[in-house]
């Protein structure tokens, strides 16, 4: 999870053979599945979204050919830490600090 927008954009171009400036969201996760980065070009500039789960993990769909297309509902559940195949919360903090 060391790459920024430029490094991730290069992965999108070189590995996925896609255009990182087409307005699609491109999601990347860490090895432990507890961190995710999303890059998105909004037409004016690059946006980089990073999320780290304190507990639980992001449930990632099986990848057959380099990339997976998700619906907006599946992406929302993934970012909430829910298993999008069977939507159940994995963990919710009781207190802060």
PDB file of N, CA and C in Angstrom:
ATOM      1  N   UNK A   1       0.832  -1.201   0.000  1.00  0.00           N
ATOM      2  CA  UNK A   1       0.000   0.000   0.000  1.00  0.00           C
ATOM      3  C   UNK A   1       0.866   1.250   0.000  1.00  0.00           C
ATOM      4  N   UNK A   2       2.002   1.189  -0.635  1.00  0.00           N
ATOM      5  CA  UNK A   2       2.918   2.322  -0.687  1.00  0.00           C
ATOM      6  C   UNK A   2       2.693   3.221  -1.891  1.00  0.00           C
ATOM      7  N   UNK A   3       1.984   2.759  -2.876  1.00  0.00           N
ATOM      8  CA  UNK A   3       1.817   3.535  -4.101  1.00  0.00           C
ATOM      9  C   UNK A   3       0.767   4.631  -3.923  1.00  0.00           C
ATOM     10  N   UNK A   4       1.039   5.762  -4.564  1.00  0.00           N
ATOM     11  CA  UNK A   4       0.097   6.867  -4.607  1.00  0.00           C
ATOM     12  C   UNK A   4      -0.664   6.830  -5.923  1.00  0.00           C
ATOM     13  N   UNK A   5      -1.255   7.966  -6.289  1.00  0.00           N
ATOM     14  CA  UNK A   5      -2.065   7.999  -7.498  1.00  0.00           C
ATOM     15  C   UNK A   5      -1.261   7.643  -8.737  1.00  0.00           C
ATOM     16  N   UNK A   6      -0.058   8.182  -8.866  1.00  0.00           N
ATOM     17  CA  UNK A   6       0.730   7.943 -10.074  1.00  0.00           C
ATOM     18  C   UNK A   6       1.114   6.470 -10.213  1.00  0.00           C
ATOM     19  N   UNK A   7       1.528   5.846  -9.112  1.00  0.00           N
ATOM     20  CA  UNK A   7       1.891   4.430  -9.156  1.00  0.00           C
ATOM     21  C   UNK A   7       0.694   3.536  -9.436  1.00  0.00           C
ATOM     22  N   UNK A   8      -0.434   3.851  -8.809  1.00  0.00           N
ATOM     23  CA  UNK A   8      -1.643   3.060  -9.044  1.00  0.00           C
ATOM     24  C   UNK A   8      -2.178   3.282 -10.455  1.00  0.00           C
ATOM     25  N   UNK A   9      -2.078   4.514 -10.955  1.00  0.00           N
ATOM     26  CA  UNK A   9      -2.504   4.796 -12.333  1.00  0.00           C
ATOM     27  C   UNK A   9      -1.668   4.005 -13.325  1.00  0.00           C
ATOM     28  N   UNK A  10      -0.372   3.887 -13.050  1.00  0.00           N
ATOM     29  CA  UNK A  10       0.499   3.103 -13.914  1.00  0.00           C
ATOM     30  C   UNK A  10       0.087   1.631 -13.904  1.00  0.00           C
ATOM     31  N   UNK A  11      -0.308   1.108 -12.731  1.00  0.00           N
ATOM     32  CA  UNK A  11      -0.802  -0.271 -12.661  1.00  0.00           C
ATOM     33  C   UNK A  11      -2.073  -0.443 -13.488  1.00  0.00           C
ATOM     34  N   UNK A  12      -2.965   0.534 -13.410  1.00  0.00           N
ATOM     35  CA  UNK A  12      -4.205   0.470 -14.185  1.00  0.00           C
ATOM     36  C   UNK A  12      -3.885   0.409 -15.677  1.00  0.00           C
ATOM     37  N   UNK A  13      -2.959   1.254 -16.122  1.00  0.00           N
ATOM     38  CA  UNK A  13      -2.599   1.286 -17.541  1.00  0.00           C
ATOM     39  C   UNK A  13      -1.848   0.030 -17.972  1.00  0.00           C
ATOM     40  N   UNK A  14      -0.827  -0.361 -17.207  1.00  0.00           N
ATOM     41  CA  UNK A  14       0.070  -1.436 -17.636  1.00  0.00           C
ATOM     42  C   UNK A  14      -0.487  -2.833 -17.386  1.00  0.00           C
ATOM     43  N   UNK A  15      -1.106  -3.034 -16.226  1.00  0.00           N
ATOM     44  CA  UNK A  15      -1.581  -4.373 -15.869  1.00  0.00           C
ATOM     45  C   UNK A  15      -3.011  -4.606 -16.332  1.00  0.00           C
ATOM     46  N   UNK A  16      -3.894  -3.661 -16.043  1.00  0.00           N
ATOM     47  CA  UNK A  16      -5.311  -3.835 -16.394  1.00  0.00           C
ATOM     48  C   UNK A  16      -5.624  -3.388 -17.820  1.00  0.00           C
ATOM     49  N   UNK A  17      -4.697  -2.680 -18.452  1.00  0.00           N
ATOM     50  CA  UNK A  17      -4.890  -2.163 -19.819  1.00  0.00           C
ATOM     51  C   UNK A  17      -6.134  -1.286 -19.901  1.00  0.00           C
ATOM     52  N   UNK A  18      -6.298  -0.435 -18.897  1.00  0.00           N
ATOM     53  CA  UNK A  18      -7.450   0.470 -18.841  1.00  0.00           C
ATOM     54  C   UNK A  18      -6.945   1.911 -18.709  1.00  0.00           C
ATOM     55  N   UNK A  19      -7.836   2.854 -18.962  1.00  0.00           N
ATOM     56  CA  UNK A  19      -7.515   4.271 -18.858  1.00  0.00           C
ATOM     57  C   UNK A  19      -7.895   4.769 -17.467  1.00  0.00           C
ATOM     58  N   UNK A  20      -6.925   5.191 -16.634  1.00  0.00           N
ATOM     59  CA  UNK A  20      -7.262   5.667 -15.287  1.00  0.00           C
ATOM     60  C   UNK A  20      -7.987   7.007 -15.278  1.00  0.00           C
ATOM     61  N   UNK A  21      -8.114   7.649 -16.441  1.00  0.00           N
ATOM     62  CA  UNK A  21      -8.787   8.945 -16.534  1.00  0.00           C
ATOM     63  C   UNK A  21     -10.180   8.836 -17.143  1.00  0.00           C
ATOM     64  N   UNK A  22     -10.775   7.656 -17.128  1.00  0.00           N
ATOM     65  CA  UNK A  22     -12.081   7.469 -17.758  1.00  0.00           C
ATOM     66  C   UNK A  22     -13.253   7.660 -16.802  1.00  0.00           C
ATOM     67  N   UNK A  23     -12.982   7.981 -15.536  1.00  0.00           N
ATOM     68  CA  UNK A  23     -14.058   8.215 -14.580  1.00  0.00           C
ATOM     69  C   UNK A  23     -14.456   6.994 -13.775  1.00  0.00           C
ATOM     70  N   UNK A  24     -13.868   5.837 -14.073  1.00  0.00           N
ATOM     71  CA  UNK A  24     -14.154   4.639 -13.286  1.00  0.00           C
ATOM     72  C   UNK A  24     -13.393   4.672 -11.971  1.00  0.00           C
ATOM     73  N   UNK A  25     -13.885   3.937 -10.992  1.00  0.00           N
ATOM     74  CA  UNK A  25     -13.179   3.760  -9.725  1.00  0.00           C
ATOM     75  C   UNK A  25     -12.305   2.516  -9.843  1.00  0.00           C
ATOM     76  N   UNK A  26     -11.061   2.617  -9.405  1.00  0.00           N
ATOM     77  CA  UNK A  26     -10.154   1.480  -9.412  1.00  0.00           C
ATOM     78  C   UNK A  26      -9.735   1.213  -7.967  1.00  0.00           C
ATOM     79  N   UNK A  27     -10.037   0.009  -7.473  1.00  0.00           N
ATOM     80  CA  UNK A  27      -9.807  -0.342  -6.074  1.00  0.00           C
ATOM     81  C   UNK A  27      -8.634  -1.300  -5.947  1.00  0.00           C
ATOM     82  N   UNK A  28      -7.834  -1.062  -4.927  1.00  0.00           N
ATOM     83  CA  UNK A  28      -6.686  -1.907  -4.619  1.00  0.00           C
ATOM     84  C   UNK A  28      -6.712  -2.209  -3.128  1.00  0.00           C
ATOM     85  N   UNK A  29      -6.327  -3.426  -2.743  1.00  0.00           N
ATOM     86  CA  UNK A  29      -6.307  -3.762  -1.322  1.00  0.00           C
ATOM     87  C   UNK A  29      -4.929  -4.231  -0.911  1.00  0.00           C
ATOM     88  N   UNK A  30      -4.674  -4.159   0.397  1.00  0.00           N
ATOM     89  CA  UNK A  30      -3.424  -4.648   0.946  1.00  0.00           C
ATOM     90  C   UNK A  30      -3.468  -6.163   1.114  1.00  0.00           C
ATOM     91  N   UNK A  31      -2.317  -6.750   1.386  1.00  0.00           N
ATOM     92  CA  UNK A  31      -2.234  -8.207   1.531  1.00  0.00           C
ATOM     93  C   UNK A  31      -3.072  -8.746   2.674  1.00  0.00           C
ATOM     94  N   UNK A  32      -3.132  -8.008   3.765  1.00  0.00           N
ATOM     95  CA  UNK A  32      -3.903  -8.465   4.924  1.00  0.00           C
ATOM     96  C   UNK A  32      -5.400  -8.209   4.762  1.00  0.00           C
ATOM     97  N   UNK A  33      -5.795  -7.605   3.674  1.00  0.00           N
ATOM     98  CA  UNK A  33      -7.202  -7.292   3.360  1.00  0.00           C
ATOM     99  C   UNK A  33      -7.845  -6.337   4.356  1.00  0.00           C
ATOM    100  N   UNK A  34      -7.035  -5.566   5.092  1.00  0.00           N
ATOM    101  CA  UNK A  34      -7.606  -4.607   6.037  1.00  0.00           C
ATOM    102  C   UNK A  34      -7.460  -3.162   5.558  1.00  0.00           C
ATOM    103  N   UNK A  35      -6.882  -2.971   4.367  1.00  0.00           N
ATOM    104  CA  UNK A  35      -6.697  -1.637   3.806  1.00  0.00           C
ATOM    105  C   UNK A  35      -7.112  -1.633   2.347  1.00  0.00           C
ATOM    106  N   UNK A  36      -7.673  -0.529   1.929  1.00  0.00           N
ATOM    107  CA  UNK A  36      -8.081  -0.402   0.532  1.00  0.00           C
ATOM    108  C   UNK A  36      -7.783   1.023   0.063  1.00  0.00           C
ATOM    109  N   UNK A  37      -7.337   1.131  -1.188  1.00  0.00           N
ATOM    110  CA  UNK A  37      -7.150   2.425  -1.834  1.00  0.00           C
ATOM    111  C   UNK A  37      -7.988   2.435  -3.098  1.00  0.00           C
ATOM    112  N   UNK A  38      -8.613   3.582  -3.354  1.00  0.00           N
ATOM    113  CA  UNK A  38      -9.428   3.752  -4.551  1.00  0.00           C
ATOM    114  C   UNK A  38      -8.945   5.013  -5.259  1.00  0.00           C
ATOM    115  N   UNK A  39      -8.671   4.899  -6.551  1.00  0.00           N
ATOM    116  CA  UNK A  39      -8.326   6.082  -7.341  1.00  0.00           C
ATOM    117  C   UNK A  39      -9.483   6.373  -8.296  1.00  0.00           C
ATOM    118  N   UNK A  40      -9.674   7.658  -8.541  1.00  0.00           N
ATOM    119  CA  UNK A  40     -10.774   8.104  -9.398  1.00  0.00           C
ATOM    120  C   UNK A  40     -10.397   9.445  -9.998  1.00  0.00           C
ATOM    121  N   UNK A  41     -10.619   9.591 -11.268  1.00  0.00           N
ATOM    122  CA  UNK A  41     -10.416  10.856 -11.970  1.00  0.00           C
ATOM    123  C   UNK A  41     -11.771  11.527 -12.117  1.00  0.00           C
ATOM    124  N   UNK A  42     -11.945  12.714 -11.529  1.00  0.00           N
ATOM    125  CA  UNK A  42     -13.254  13.373 -11.544  1.00  0.00           C
ATOM    126  C   UNK A  42     -13.425  14.355 -12.693  1.00  0.00           C
ATOM    127  N   UNK A  43     -12.483  14.380 -13.624  1.00  0.00           N
ATOM    128  CA  UNK A  43     -12.572  15.287 -14.757  1.00  0.00           C
ATOM    129  C   UNK A  43     -11.672  16.497 -14.602  1.00  0.00           C
ATOM    130  N   UNK A  44     -11.338  16.841 -13.361  1.00  0.00           N
ATOM    131  CA  UNK A  44     -10.449  17.967 -13.093  1.00  0.00           C
ATOM    132  C   UNK A  44      -9.138  17.531 -12.468  1.00  0.00           C
ATOM    133  N   UNK A  45      -9.178  16.437 -11.749  1.00  0.00           N
ATOM    134  CA  UNK A  45      -7.990  15.967 -11.048  1.00  0.00           C
ATOM    135  C   UNK A  45      -8.211  14.576 -10.480  1.00  0.00           C
ATOM    136  N   UNK A  46      -7.161  14.068  -9.879  1.00  0.00           N
ATOM    137  CA  UNK A  46      -7.179  12.717  -9.330  1.00  0.00           C
ATOM    138  C   UNK A  46      -7.606  12.738  -7.873  1.00  0.00           C
ATOM    139  N   UNK A  47      -8.421  11.767  -7.505  1.00  0.00           N
ATOM    140  CA  UNK A  47      -8.845  11.591  -6.115  1.00  0.00           C
ATOM    141  C   UNK A  47      -8.302  10.257  -5.633  1.00  0.00           C
ATOM    142  N   UNK A  48      -7.780  10.239  -4.418  1.00  0.00           N
ATOM    143  CA  UNK A  48      -7.267   9.015  -3.822  1.00  0.00           C
ATOM    144  C   UNK A  48      -7.960   8.818  -2.488  1.00  0.00           C
ATOM    145  N   UNK A  49      -8.668   7.714  -2.357  1.00  0.00           N
ATOM    146  CA  UNK A  49      -9.407   7.383  -1.151  1.00  0.00           C
ATOM    147  C   UNK A  49      -8.694   6.220  -0.484  1.00  0.00           C
ATOM    148  N   UNK A  50      -8.465   6.314   0.834  1.00  0.00           N
ATOM    149  CA  UNK A  50      -7.771   5.269   1.579  1.00  0.00           C
ATOM    150  C   UNK A  50      -8.588   4.934   2.820  1.00  0.00           C
ATOM    151  N   UNK A  51      -8.785   3.652   3.071  1.00  0.00           N
ATOM    152  CA  UNK A  51      -9.517   3.241   4.266  1.00  0.00           C
ATOM    153  C   UNK A  51      -8.808   2.064   4.902  1.00  0.00           C
ATOM    154  N   UNK A  52      -8.691   2.117   6.236  1.00  0.00           N
ATOM    155  CA  UNK A  52      -8.067   1.053   7.010  1.00  0.00           C
ATOM    156  C   UNK A  52      -9.069   0.586   8.049  1.00  0.00           C
ATOM    157  N   UNK A  53      -9.378  -0.707   8.060  1.00  0.00           N
ATOM    158  CA  UNK A  53     -10.289  -1.263   9.057  1.00  0.00           C
ATOM    159  C   UNK A  53      -9.511  -1.588  10.325  1.00  0.00           C
ATOM    160  N   UNK A  54     -10.022  -1.163  11.467  1.00  0.00           N
ATOM    161  CA  UNK A  54      -9.380  -1.476  12.742  1.00  0.00           C
ATOM    162  C   UNK A  54      -9.515  -2.957  13.073  1.00  0.00           C
ATOM    163  N   UNK A  55     -10.661  -3.514  12.759  1.00  0.00           N
ATOM    164  CA  UNK A  55     -10.911  -4.947  12.944  1.00  0.00           C
ATOM    165  C   UNK A  55     -11.662  -5.448  11.732  1.00  0.00           C
ATOM    166  N   UNK A  56     -11.546  -6.734  11.477  1.00  0.00           N
ATOM    167  CA  UNK A  56     -12.209  -7.311  10.321  1.00  0.00           C
ATOM    168  C   UNK A  56     -11.369  -7.118   9.079  1.00  0.00           C
ATOM    169  N   UNK A  57     -11.955  -7.434   7.949  1.00  0.00           N
ATOM    170  CA  UNK A  57     -11.231  -7.299   6.690  1.00  0.00           C
ATOM    171  C   UNK A  57     -12.217  -6.998   5.573  1.00  0.00           C
ATOM    172  N   UNK A  58     -11.678  -6.497   4.484  1.00  0.00           N
ATOM    173  CA  UNK A  58     -12.488  -6.270   3.300  1.00  0.00           C
ATOM    174  C   UNK A  58     -12.646  -7.598   2.580  1.00  0.00           C
ATOM    175  N   UNK A  59     -13.880  -7.984   2.310  1.00  0.00           N
ATOM    176  CA  UNK A  59     -14.146  -9.233   1.597  1.00  0.00           C
ATOM    177  C   UNK A  59     -14.051  -8.938   0.116  1.00  0.00           C
ATOM    178  N   UNK A  60     -13.053  -9.525  -0.520  1.00  0.00           N
ATOM    179  CA  UNK A  60     -12.745  -9.230  -1.912  1.00  0.00           C
ATOM    180  C   UNK A  60     -13.330 -10.306  -2.804  1.00  0.00           C
ATOM    181  N   UNK A  61     -13.961  -9.942  -3.902  1.00  0.00           N
ATOM    182  CA  UNK A  61     -14.484 -10.948  -4.824  1.00  0.00           C
ATOM    183  C   UNK A  61     -13.345 -11.707  -5.509  1.00  0.00           C
ATOM    184  N   UNK A  62     -13.625 -12.933  -5.920  1.00  0.00           N
ATOM    185  CA  UNK A  62     -12.637 -13.737  -6.633  1.00  0.00           C
ATOM    186  C   UNK A  62     -12.331 -13.083  -7.983  1.00  0.00           C
ATOM    187  N   UNK A  63     -11.056 -13.000  -8.313  1.00  0.00           N
ATOM    188  CA  UNK A  63     -10.622 -12.368  -9.559  1.00  0.00           C
ATOM    189  C   UNK A  63     -10.250 -13.456 -10.555  1.00  0.00           C
ATOM    190  N   UNK A  64     -10.943 -13.488 -11.686  1.00  0.00           N
ATOM    191  CA  UNK A  64     -10.671 -14.507 -12.697  1.00  0.00           C
ATOM    192  C   UNK A  64      -9.665 -14.005 -13.733  1.00  0.00           C
ATOM    193  N   UNK A  65      -9.838 -12.782 -14.213  1.00  0.00           N
ATOM    194  CA  UNK A  65      -8.979 -12.279 -15.294  1.00  0.00           C
ATOM    195  C   UNK A  65      -8.475 -10.872 -15.017  1.00  0.00           C
ATOM    196  N   UNK A  66      -7.792 -10.652 -13.924  1.00  0.00           N
ATOM    197  CA  UNK A  66      -7.149  -9.375 -13.662  1.00  0.00           C
ATOM    198  C   UNK A  66      -8.002  -8.308 -13.011  1.00  0.00           C
ATOM    199  N   UNK A  67      -9.294  -8.293 -13.274  1.00  0.00           N
ATOM    200  CA  UNK A  67     -10.150  -7.279 -12.664  1.00  0.00           C
ATOM    201  C   UNK A  67     -11.558  -7.827 -12.466  1.00  0.00           C
ATOM    202  N   UNK A  68     -12.293  -7.147 -11.588  1.00  0.00           N
ATOM    203  CA  UNK A  68     -13.675  -7.516 -11.283  1.00  0.00           C
ATOM    204  C   UNK A  68     -14.505  -6.249 -11.348  1.00  0.00           C
ATOM    205  N   UNK A  69     -15.687  -6.340 -11.905  1.00  0.00           N
ATOM    206  CA  UNK A  69     -16.604  -5.204 -11.933  1.00  0.00           C
ATOM    207  C   UNK A  69     -17.630  -5.389 -10.824  1.00  0.00           C
ATOM    208  N   UNK A  70     -17.801  -4.344 -10.015  1.00  0.00           N
ATOM    209  CA  UNK A  70     -18.752  -4.364  -8.909  1.00  0.00           C
ATOM    210  C   UNK A  70     -19.880  -3.378  -9.169  1.00  0.00           C
ATOM    211  N   UNK A  71     -21.043  -3.683  -8.647  1.00  0.00           N
ATOM    212  CA  UNK A  71     -22.137  -2.723  -8.669  1.00  0.00           C
ATOM    213  C   UNK A  71     -21.875  -1.694  -7.573  1.00  0.00           C
ATOM    214  N   UNK A  72     -22.596  -0.593  -7.600  1.00  0.00           N
ATOM    215  CA  UNK A  72     -22.428   0.421  -6.559  1.00  0.00           C
ATOM    216  C   UNK A  72     -22.823  -0.142  -5.187  1.00  0.00           C
ATOM    217  N   UNK A  73     -23.814  -1.020  -5.143  1.00  0.00           N
ATOM    218  CA  UNK A  73     -24.223  -1.637  -3.878  1.00  0.00           C
ATOM    219  C   UNK A  73     -23.126  -2.554  -3.343  1.00  0.00           C
ATOM    220  N   UNK A  74     -22.503  -3.338  -4.226  1.00  0.00           N
ATOM    221  CA  UNK A  74     -21.414  -4.220  -3.803  1.00  0.00           C
ATOM    222  C   UNK A  74     -20.232  -3.409  -3.292  1.00  0.00           C
ATOM    223  N   UNK A  75     -19.899  -2.304  -3.966  1.00  0.00           N
ATOM    224  CA  UNK A  75     -18.808  -1.447  -3.523  1.00  0.00           C
ATOM    225  C   UNK A  75     -19.118  -0.833  -2.163  1.00  0.00           C
ATOM    226  N   UNK A  76     -20.340  -0.374  -1.972  1.00  0.00           N
ATOM    227  CA  UNK A  76     -20.734   0.211  -0.691  1.00  0.00           C
ATOM    228  C   UNK A  76     -20.588  -0.808   0.436  1.00  0.00           C
ATOM    229  N   UNK A  77     -21.021  -2.035   0.206  1.00  0.00           N
ATOM    230  CA  UNK A  77     -20.888  -3.069   1.230  1.00  0.00           C
ATOM    231  C   UNK A  77     -19.432  -3.411   1.485  1.00  0.00           C
ATOM    232  N   UNK A  78     -18.625  -3.481   0.421  1.00  0.00           N
ATOM    233  CA  UNK A  78     -17.205  -3.766   0.573  1.00  0.00           C
ATOM    234  C   UNK A  78     -16.548  -2.705   1.450  1.00  0.00           C
ATOM    235  N   UNK A  79     -16.842  -1.435   1.201  1.00  0.00           N
ATOM    236  CA  UNK A  79     -16.238  -0.350   1.966  1.00  0.00           C
ATOM    237  C   UNK A  79     -16.731  -0.288   3.405  1.00  0.00           C
ATOM    238  N   UNK A  80     -17.892  -0.852   3.680  1.00  0.00           N
ATOM    239  CA  UNK A  80     -18.409  -0.919   5.047  1.00  0.00           C
ATOM    240  C   UNK A  80     -17.826  -2.105   5.817  1.00  0.00           C
ATOM    241  N   UNK A  81     -17.051  -2.938   5.136  1.00  0.00           N
ATOM    242  CA  UNK A  81     -16.497  -4.121   5.791  1.00  0.00           C
ATOM    243  C   UNK A  81     -17.484  -5.266   5.843  1.00  0.00           C
ATOM    244  N   UNK A  82     -18.508  -5.202   5.008  1.00  0.00           N
ATOM    245  CA  UNK A  82     -19.521  -6.252   4.966  1.00  0.00           C
ATOM    246  C   UNK A  82     -19.165  -7.270   3.891  1.00  0.00           C
ATOM    247  N   UNK A  83     -19.527  -8.509   4.125  1.00  0.00           N
ATOM    248  CA  UNK A  83     -19.376  -9.522   3.089  1.00  0.00           C
ATOM    249  C   UNK A  83     -20.508  -9.299   2.099  1.00  0.00           C
ATOM    250  N   UNK A  84     -20.187  -8.798   0.922  1.00  0.00           N
ATOM    251  CA  UNK A  84     -21.203  -8.432  -0.060  1.00  0.00           C
ATOM    252  C   UNK A  84     -21.979  -9.637  -0.561  1.00  0.00           C
ATOM    253  N   UNK A  85     -21.429 -10.853  -0.358  1.00  0.00           N
ATOM    254  CA  UNK A  85     -22.164 -12.067  -0.767  1.00  0.00           C
ATOM    255  C   UNK A  85     -23.255 -12.407   0.240  1.00  0.00           C
ATOM    256  N   UNK A  86     -22.997 -12.165   1.524  1.00  0.00           N
ATOM    257  CA  UNK A  86     -23.974 -12.349   2.597  1.00  0.00           C
ATOM    258  C   UNK A  86     -23.838 -11.161   3.533  1.00  0.00           C
ATOM    259  N   UNK A  87     -24.582 -10.080   3.330  1.00  0.00           N
ATOM    260  CA  UNK A  87     -24.365  -8.833   4.056  1.00  0.00           C
ATOM    261  C   UNK A  87     -24.646  -8.919   5.559  1.00  0.00           C
ATOM    262  N   UNK A  88     -23.563  -9.085   6.330  1.00  0.00           N
ATOM    263  CA  UNK A  88     -23.610  -9.089   7.790  1.00  0.00           C
ATOM    264  C   UNK A  88     -22.435  -8.247   8.262  1.00  0.00           C
ATOM    265  N   UNK A  89     -22.662  -7.328   9.212  1.00  0.00           N
ATOM    266  CA  UNK A  89     -21.564  -6.509   9.711  1.00  0.00           C
ATOM    267  C   UNK A  89     -20.505  -7.399  10.358  1.00  0.00           C
ATOM    268  N   UNK A  90     -19.224  -7.138  10.047  1.00  0.00           N
ATOM    269  CA  UNK A  90     -18.147  -7.944  10.613  1.00  0.00           C
ATOM    270  C   UNK A  90     -17.775  -7.483  12.015  1.00  0.00           C
ATOM    271  N   UNK A  91     -17.846  -6.168  12.289  1.00  0.00           N
ATOM    272  CA  UNK A  91     -17.480  -5.639  13.593  1.00  0.00           C
ATOM    273  C   UNK A  91     -17.836  -4.175  13.641  1.00  0.00           C
ATOM    274  N   UNK A  92     -18.288  -3.711  14.775  1.00  0.00           N
ATOM    275  CA  UNK A  92     -18.586  -2.289  14.985  1.00  0.00           C
ATOM    276  C   UNK A  92     -18.012  -1.894  16.350  1.00  0.00           C
ATOM    277  N   UNK A  93     -17.237  -0.804  16.402  1.00  0.00           N
ATOM    278  CA  UNK A  93     -16.639  -0.389  17.689  1.00  0.00           C
ATOM    279  C   UNK A  93     -17.705   0.038  18.686  1.00  0.00           C
ATOM    280  N   UNK A  94     -17.455  -0.284  19.947  1.00  0.00           N
ATOM    281  CA  UNK A  94     -18.389   0.102  21.005  1.00  0.00           C
ATOM    282  C   UNK A  94     -18.074   1.491  21.553  1.00  0.00           C
ATOM    283  N   UNK A  95     -16.777   1.830  21.626  1.00  0.00           N
ATOM    284  CA  UNK A  95     -16.357   3.139  22.107  1.00  0.00           C
ATOM    285  C   UNK A  95     -15.230   3.664  21.217  1.00  0.00           C
ATOM    286  N   UNK A  96     -14.930   4.936  21.379  1.00  0.00           N
ATOM    287  CA  UNK A  96     -13.803   5.512  20.654  1.00  0.00           C
ATOM    288  C   UNK A  96     -12.649   5.738  21.619  1.00  0.00           C
ATOM    289  N   UNK A  97     -11.461   5.836  21.071  1.00  0.00           N
ATOM    290  CA  UNK A  97     -10.282   6.169  21.882  1.00  0.00           C
ATOM    291  C   UNK A  97      -9.574   5.037  22.386  1.00  0.00           C
TER     292      UNK A  97
END
